[in-house]
Amino acid sequence: MSGRRLTRRQIERIRDSQAQRRERARDRAGDAAEALLDGDLEPPQAGRVVANHGASLIVAAADASLHRCLVRQNLGALACGDHVLWQAARSGDGVVVAVEPRRSLLSRPDYGGRLKPVAANLDQVAVVIAVAPDFNEFLIDRYLVAIALIGVEPLIVVNKIDLLDDAGRERVDARLATYRRIGYTVLPASTRAAHGLDALRARLGSHTSILVGQSGVGKSSLVQALLPDLDIQTRALSAATGHGTHTTTTTMLYHLPGGGELIDSPGVRSFELAEVSPGELERGFVEFAPYLGHCRFGDCSHRVEPGCALLAAVAEGAVDPRRLAAFHQIRDSLAAR
């Protein structure tokens, strides 16, 4: 027998209740942090947040030792990858007392629709798509706009490429040719056939990256292939908590064998665009840049106006009409919120 569907009001009430429980948990953790500060603490030292459990964090000290830390209430929500100052207690635990300015921040909406920080100080986001289930170019475009607004380097990874024959690969290459022409790096990969993994490792090396993608694209398999010592690193983080690490809900930072860092957040299958202005959305389509500001009308919508530089670029073949259509689709969806 199928379950009764919840009404919108019931869903909102559940979300509000969950948000209130999380807020109370943060308040309790903040009170505990203030109590620790009243005790005998060592001088502040630099550290890096390498795991985020919500109410507590795991901070890596300069000597790579791991410490469970609470957070001062006035710091707000922290993210995996944050550079912090923390003070150690006699127990080995500690308190985060300050956070360094972030170079970048990836956030996603929580159950209540409020933005929740997930990963800080990224310099690369890899969008993982797969040939099965088939990918959607419109979703790729949304990801790329969001990445551009964060201000980090994008990468497109086409997973499960081993499922295609030569003709299938040619069709996929043709669909993704626009992204390559624009200047995006597109890497084919297969964990089953160990195809493209060396190129992916080389691209991730020296970067702090996160993989994002829809369910079923094989993101977890890629993480396992990139991190042969995943279990060892996870056990070390688990030992630091004293009560086990739930890898299905915890955002964690791992060190890649060839250099670089990979932040794995199992809950981040996708991330929504925040409220963005039409101008910000235009800048998210990087190939539009040479034509912006050259339309006859300053408030040009790039639909039917005479003298539109973008429409002229489409007519001349300089801009893919599908990308302009995606721009309008995203703009309309944001306006409908």
Protein backbone atom coordinates (compact mmCIF):
# COMPACT_ATOMS: atom_id res chain seq x y z
CA MET A 1 0.00 0.00 0.00
CA SER A 2 1.42 3.38 -0.97
CA GLY A 3 1.99 5.97 1.73
CA ARG A 4 -0.06 9.11 2.00
CA ARG A 5 1.62 12.10 0.35
CA LEU A 6 2.53 14.97 2.63
CA THR A 7 1.11 18.42 2.02
CA ARG A 8 3.42 21.36 1.41
CA ARG A 9 2.58 22.73 4.87
CA GLN A 10 3.48 19.39 6.48
CA ILE A 11 6.78 19.29 4.59
CA GLU A 12 7.58 22.84 5.69
CA ARG A 13 6.69 21.96 9.31
CA ILE A 14 9.02 18.94 9.20
CA ARG A 15 11.82 21.05 7.73
CA ASP A 16 11.35 23.72 10.39
CA SER A 17 11.44 21.08 13.14
CA GLN A 18 14.65 19.56 11.74
CA ALA A 19 16.24 23.00 11.44
CA GLN A 20 15.33 23.79 15.06
CA ARG A 21 16.89 20.51 16.26
CA ARG A 22 20.09 21.28 14.37
CA GLU A 23 20.12 24.80 15.82
CA ARG A 24 19.74 23.44 19.36
CA ALA A 25 22.58 20.97 18.73
CA ARG A 26 24.82 23.82 17.52
CA ASP A 27 23.89 25.88 20.58
CA ARG A 28 24.82 23.00 22.90
CA ALA A 29 28.14 22.58 21.08
CA GLY A 30 28.74 26.33 21.33
CA ASP A 31 28.05 26.28 25.07
CA ALA A 32 30.50 23.39 25.45
CA ALA A 33 33.10 25.35 23.47
CA GLU A 34 32.70 28.37 25.74
CA ALA A 35 33.10 26.10 28.77
CA LEU A 36 36.35 24.74 27.33
CA LEU A 37 37.58 28.29 26.80
CA ASP A 38 37.13 28.93 30.52
CA GLY A 39 39.61 26.12 31.22
CA ASP A 40 43.36 25.80 30.75
CA LEU A 41 44.08 25.96 27.01
CA GLU A 42 47.28 26.08 25.02
CA PRO A 43 48.11 29.14 22.86
CA PRO A 44 46.28 29.43 19.51
CA GLN A 45 47.76 27.49 16.61
CA ALA A 46 46.96 27.13 12.93
CA GLY A 47 44.94 24.19 11.65
CA ARG A 48 42.77 22.95 8.80
CA VAL A 49 39.25 21.58 9.06
CA VAL A 50 39.44 18.10 7.52
CA ALA A 51 36.06 16.72 8.63
CA ASN A 52 32.79 18.36 9.54
CA HIS A 53 30.29 16.55 11.75
CA GLY A 54 28.05 19.58 12.24
CA ALA A 55 28.31 19.99 16.01
CA SER A 56 32.04 19.25 16.00
CA LEU A 57 34.99 19.32 13.60
CA ILE A 58 38.20 17.41 13.06
CA VAL A 59 41.12 19.82 12.75
CA ALA A 60 44.54 18.82 11.39
CA ALA A 61 47.36 20.59 13.22
CA ALA A 62 50.60 21.73 11.59
CA ASP A 63 52.20 18.37 12.52
CA ALA A 64 49.30 16.51 10.80
CA SER A 65 47.89 15.27 14.12
CA LEU A 66 44.09 15.20 14.25
CA HIS A 67 41.99 16.80 16.98
CA ARG A 68 38.27 16.90 17.68
CA CYS A 69 37.26 20.53 18.11
CA LEU A 70 34.18 22.49 19.07
CA VAL A 71 33.51 25.93 17.60
CA ARG A 72 32.98 29.28 19.28
CA GLN A 73 29.40 30.40 18.88
CA ASN A 74 30.29 33.72 17.25
CA LEU A 75 32.08 32.10 14.29
CA GLY A 76 29.01 30.78 12.52
CA ALA A 77 29.01 27.61 10.44
CA LEU A 78 32.41 26.38 9.29
CA ALA A 79 33.19 24.17 6.32
CA CYS A 80 35.58 21.39 5.48
CA GLY A 81 38.73 23.02 4.09
CA ASP A 82 38.57 26.09 6.33
CA HIS A 83 41.89 27.39 7.67
CA VAL A 84 41.40 28.11 11.37
CA LEU A 85 43.07 29.04 14.63
CA TRP A 86 42.36 26.60 17.44
CA GLN A 87 43.41 26.03 21.03
CA ALA A 88 44.11 22.59 22.47
CA ALA A 89 42.81 21.41 25.84
CA ARG A 90 44.51 18.91 28.14
CA SER A 91 42.19 16.20 26.84
CA GLY A 92 43.58 16.60 23.34
CA ASP A 93 40.33 18.12 22.12
CA GLY A 94 40.18 21.79 21.34
CA VAL A 95 38.20 24.87 20.41
CA VAL A 96 38.26 26.71 17.10
CA VAL A 97 38.55 30.39 18.01
CA ALA A 98 39.00 32.05 14.60
CA VAL A 99 38.64 31.31 10.90
CA GLU A 100 40.88 32.70 8.16
CA PRO A 101 39.33 34.52 5.17
CA ARG A 102 38.14 32.05 2.53
CA ARG A 103 39.31 32.06 -1.08
CA SER A 104 36.11 30.33 -2.14
CA LEU A 105 33.06 28.67 -0.63
CA LEU A 106 30.71 26.01 -1.96
CA SER A 107 27.30 26.00 -0.27
CA ARG A 108 24.06 24.11 -0.75
CA PRO A 109 20.54 24.61 0.59
CA ASP A 110 19.63 22.72 3.77
CA TYR A 111 16.20 21.21 4.41
CA GLY A 112 14.90 24.64 5.34
CA GLY A 113 16.18 26.22 2.13
CA ARG A 114 18.99 28.12 3.89
CA LEU A 115 22.48 27.97 2.41
CA LYS A 116 24.82 25.66 4.30
CA PRO A 117 28.61 25.87 3.74
CA VAL A 118 30.04 22.57 2.51
CA ALA A 119 33.61 23.11 1.30
CA ALA A 120 35.93 26.10 1.64
CA ASN A 121 39.09 27.17 -0.17
CA LEU A 122 38.42 25.04 -3.23
CA ASP A 123 40.17 25.93 -6.45
CA GLN A 124 38.49 23.30 -8.64
CA VAL A 125 35.07 21.66 -8.97
CA ALA A 126 34.80 18.53 -11.11
CA VAL A 127 31.35 17.96 -12.60
CA VAL A 128 30.92 14.20 -12.99
CA ILE A 129 28.49 13.04 -15.65
CA ALA A 130 27.97 9.54 -17.03
CA VAL A 131 26.91 7.97 -20.30
CA ALA A 132 24.51 5.74 -18.34
CA PRO A 133 22.25 7.15 -17.07
CA ASP A 134 22.48 9.60 -19.95
CA PHE A 135 23.57 13.12 -19.10
CA ASN A 136 21.64 16.35 -19.54
CA GLU A 137 23.47 19.34 -21.02
CA PHE A 138 21.16 21.76 -19.22
CA LEU A 139 22.29 20.39 -15.85
CA ILE A 140 25.92 20.73 -16.94
CA ASP A 141 25.23 24.37 -17.81
CA ARG A 142 23.73 25.02 -14.36
CA TYR A 143 26.77 23.50 -12.69
CA LEU A 144 29.14 25.58 -14.81
CA VAL A 145 27.31 28.81 -13.99
CA ALA A 146 27.43 28.02 -10.26
CA ILE A 147 31.14 27.19 -10.48
CA ALA A 148 31.87 30.43 -12.33
CA LEU A 149 30.07 32.41 -9.62
CA ILE A 150 32.13 30.66 -6.92
CA GLY A 151 35.24 31.73 -8.81
CA VAL A 152 37.02 28.39 -9.16
CA GLU A 153 38.23 26.23 -12.03
CA PRO A 154 35.68 23.87 -13.62
CA LEU A 155 36.33 20.37 -14.95
CA ILE A 156 33.93 18.00 -16.72
CA VAL A 157 34.49 14.26 -16.14
CA VAL A 158 32.60 11.85 -18.41
CA ASN A 159 32.39 8.59 -16.45
CA LYS A 160 31.50 5.02 -17.50
CA ILE A 161 32.95 5.63 -20.96
CA ASP A 162 33.65 1.88 -21.24
CA LEU A 163 29.92 1.28 -21.78
CA LEU A 164 30.10 2.88 -25.24
CA ASP A 165 31.24 1.47 -28.54
CA ASP A 166 33.14 3.63 -31.02
CA ALA A 167 29.97 5.07 -32.54
CA GLY A 168 28.61 5.89 -29.09
CA ARG A 169 31.81 7.69 -28.14
CA GLU A 170 31.63 9.76 -31.31
CA ARG A 171 28.07 10.81 -30.44
CA VAL A 172 29.09 11.79 -26.90
CA ASP A 173 32.13 13.69 -28.21
CA ALA A 174 29.88 15.60 -30.61
CA ARG A 175 27.48 16.55 -27.79
CA LEU A 176 30.35 17.81 -25.63
CA ALA A 177 32.27 19.54 -28.43
CA THR A 178 30.74 22.92 -27.54
CA TYR A 179 32.25 22.79 -24.05
CA ARG A 180 35.68 22.00 -25.45
CA ARG A 181 35.40 24.87 -27.95
CA ILE A 182 34.51 27.27 -25.16
CA GLY A 183 37.63 26.19 -23.28
CA TYR A 184 36.39 23.70 -20.69
CA THR A 185 38.48 20.60 -20.04
CA VAL A 186 36.50 17.40 -20.68
CA LEU A 187 38.06 14.15 -19.44
CA PRO A 188 36.64 10.70 -20.29
CA ALA A 189 37.01 8.13 -17.52
CA SER A 190 36.13 4.61 -16.51
CA THR A 191 36.91 3.02 -13.16
CA ARG A 192 36.02 -0.43 -14.47
CA ALA A 193 38.45 -0.19 -17.39
CA ALA A 194 40.92 2.07 -15.51
CA HIS A 195 40.63 4.47 -18.43
CA GLY A 196 41.48 8.15 -18.04
CA LEU A 197 42.34 7.88 -14.34
CA ASP A 198 45.96 8.99 -14.79
CA ALA A 199 44.82 12.11 -16.63
CA LEU A 200 42.29 12.81 -13.89
CA ARG A 201 44.90 12.34 -11.16
CA ALA A 202 47.23 14.74 -12.97
CA ARG A 203 44.45 17.33 -13.21
CA LEU A 204 43.56 16.99 -9.52
CA GLY A 205 47.18 17.17 -8.35
CA SER A 206 48.16 20.49 -6.71
CA HIS A 207 44.46 21.45 -6.48
CA THR A 208 41.87 21.33 -3.73
CA SER A 209 38.92 19.78 -5.54
CA ILE A 210 35.45 18.40 -4.98
CA LEU A 211 33.44 16.06 -7.20
CA VAL A 212 29.78 16.90 -7.81
CA GLY A 213 27.21 15.08 -9.88
CA GLN A 214 23.79 13.51 -9.98
CA SER A 215 23.04 10.17 -8.35
CA GLY A 216 24.26 7.17 -10.33
CA VAL A 217 27.15 8.83 -12.17
CA GLY A 218 29.79 6.81 -10.28
CA LYS A 219 31.24 9.54 -8.09
CA SER A 220 31.91 7.15 -5.19
CA SER A 221 33.73 4.72 -7.48
CA LEU A 222 35.92 7.55 -8.74
CA VAL A 223 36.76 8.62 -5.18
CA GLN A 224 37.76 5.05 -4.30
CA ALA A 225 39.90 4.75 -7.44
CA LEU A 226 41.65 8.06 -6.74
CA LEU A 227 42.28 7.22 -3.07
CA PRO A 228 43.79 3.74 -2.70
CA ASP A 229 44.35 4.46 1.01
CA LEU A 230 40.80 5.72 1.53
CA ASP A 231 40.12 3.25 4.35
CA ILE A 232 43.32 4.24 6.17
CA GLN A 233 42.55 7.96 6.00
CA THR A 234 38.93 7.37 7.00
CA ARG A 235 39.94 5.25 10.01
CA ALA A 236 42.34 7.99 11.15
CA LEU A 237 39.53 10.55 11.00
CA SER A 238 37.22 8.12 12.77
CA ALA A 239 39.72 7.58 15.59
CA ALA A 240 40.01 11.33 16.08
CA THR A 241 36.28 11.63 16.78
CA GLY A 242 36.31 8.96 19.46
CA HIS A 243 32.92 7.68 18.34
CA GLY A 244 33.27 6.68 14.71
CA THR A 245 32.89 8.55 11.47
CA HIS A 246 29.71 8.19 9.45
CA THR A 247 31.09 8.52 5.93
CA THR A 248 27.59 8.67 4.44
CA THR A 249 26.89 12.00 6.13
CA THR A 250 30.29 13.50 6.89
CA THR A 251 32.20 15.88 4.63
CA MET A 252 35.89 14.95 4.70
CA LEU A 253 39.14 16.20 3.17
CA TYR A 254 41.55 13.57 1.84
CA HIS A 255 45.13 13.88 0.62
CA LEU A 256 45.69 12.51 -2.89
CA PRO A 257 48.76 10.26 -3.34
CA GLY A 258 50.16 12.38 -6.18
CA GLY A 259 49.52 15.69 -4.46
CA GLY A 260 46.45 17.80 -4.07
CA GLU A 261 43.40 17.38 -1.87
CA LEU A 262 39.96 15.95 -2.51
CA ILE A 263 36.96 16.96 -0.43
CA ASP A 264 34.29 14.28 -0.47
CA SER A 265 30.79 15.25 0.58
CA PRO A 266 28.39 12.36 -0.06
CA GLY A 267 25.38 14.63 0.41
CA VAL A 268 26.43 16.95 -2.41
CA ARG A 269 24.94 15.39 -5.51
CA SER A 270 24.01 18.80 -6.79
CA PHE A 271 23.96 22.36 -5.61
CA GLU A 272 21.41 24.97 -6.52
CA LEU A 273 22.14 28.37 -7.92
CA ALA A 274 21.65 31.06 -5.31
CA GLU A 275 19.79 34.25 -6.09
CA VAL A 276 21.76 35.76 -8.97
CA SER A 277 21.16 38.87 -11.02
CA PRO A 278 20.78 38.69 -14.82
CA GLY A 279 24.24 40.24 -15.12
CA GLU A 280 25.80 37.57 -12.90
CA LEU A 281 24.04 34.87 -14.90
CA GLU A 282 25.41 36.34 -18.13
CA ARG A 283 28.93 36.20 -16.72
CA GLY A 284 28.37 32.55 -15.82
CA PHE A 285 28.26 31.78 -19.55
CA VAL A 286 31.91 32.54 -20.18
CA GLU A 287 31.67 32.60 -23.99
CA PHE A 288 29.20 35.51 -23.77
CA ALA A 289 31.93 37.81 -22.40
CA PRO A 290 33.08 39.39 -25.72
CA TYR A 291 29.50 40.45 -26.51
CA LEU A 292 28.24 41.73 -23.17
CA GLY A 293 27.78 45.49 -23.11
CA HIS A 294 27.57 45.71 -26.91
CA CYS A 295 23.80 45.34 -27.33
CA ARG A 296 21.87 48.37 -28.59
CA PHE A 297 19.74 48.42 -25.43
CA GLY A 298 21.26 48.36 -21.96
CA ASP A 299 18.46 46.15 -20.59
CA CYS A 300 18.56 43.74 -23.54
CA SER A 301 17.08 40.34 -22.67
CA HIS A 302 18.86 38.67 -25.62
CA ARG A 303 15.59 37.27 -26.97
CA VAL A 304 14.19 39.34 -29.86
CA GLU A 305 15.63 42.84 -29.45
CA PRO A 306 17.15 44.50 -32.53
CA GLY A 307 20.85 45.15 -32.19
CA CYS A 308 21.41 42.31 -29.71
CA ALA A 309 25.10 41.37 -29.84
CA LEU A 310 24.45 37.86 -28.50
CA LEU A 311 21.78 37.10 -31.10
CA ALA A 312 24.18 38.33 -33.78
CA ALA A 313 26.90 36.05 -32.39
CA VAL A 314 24.51 33.09 -32.57
CA ALA A 315 23.61 33.96 -36.17
CA GLU A 316 27.31 34.11 -37.05
CA GLY A 317 28.01 30.74 -35.40
CA ALA A 318 30.21 32.23 -32.68
CA VAL A 319 27.83 31.21 -29.86
CA ASP A 320 26.00 27.89 -29.70
CA PRO A 321 22.22 28.51 -29.87
CA ARG A 322 21.65 25.70 -27.36
CA ARG A 323 23.77 27.57 -24.81
CA LEU A 324 21.77 30.76 -25.31
CA ALA A 325 18.58 28.71 -24.89
CA ALA A 326 20.02 27.28 -21.66
CA PHE A 327 20.74 30.82 -20.44
CA HIS A 328 17.09 31.78 -20.98
CA GLN A 329 15.85 28.57 -19.33
CA ILE A 330 17.96 29.18 -16.23
CA ARG A 331 16.95 32.85 -16.12
CA ASP A 332 13.27 31.94 -16.37
CA SER A 333 13.57 29.27 -13.65
CA LEU A 334 15.24 31.74 -11.29
CA ALA A 335 12.58 34.37 -11.98
CA ALA A 336 9.84 31.84 -11.19
CA ARG A 337 11.09 31.17 -7.64
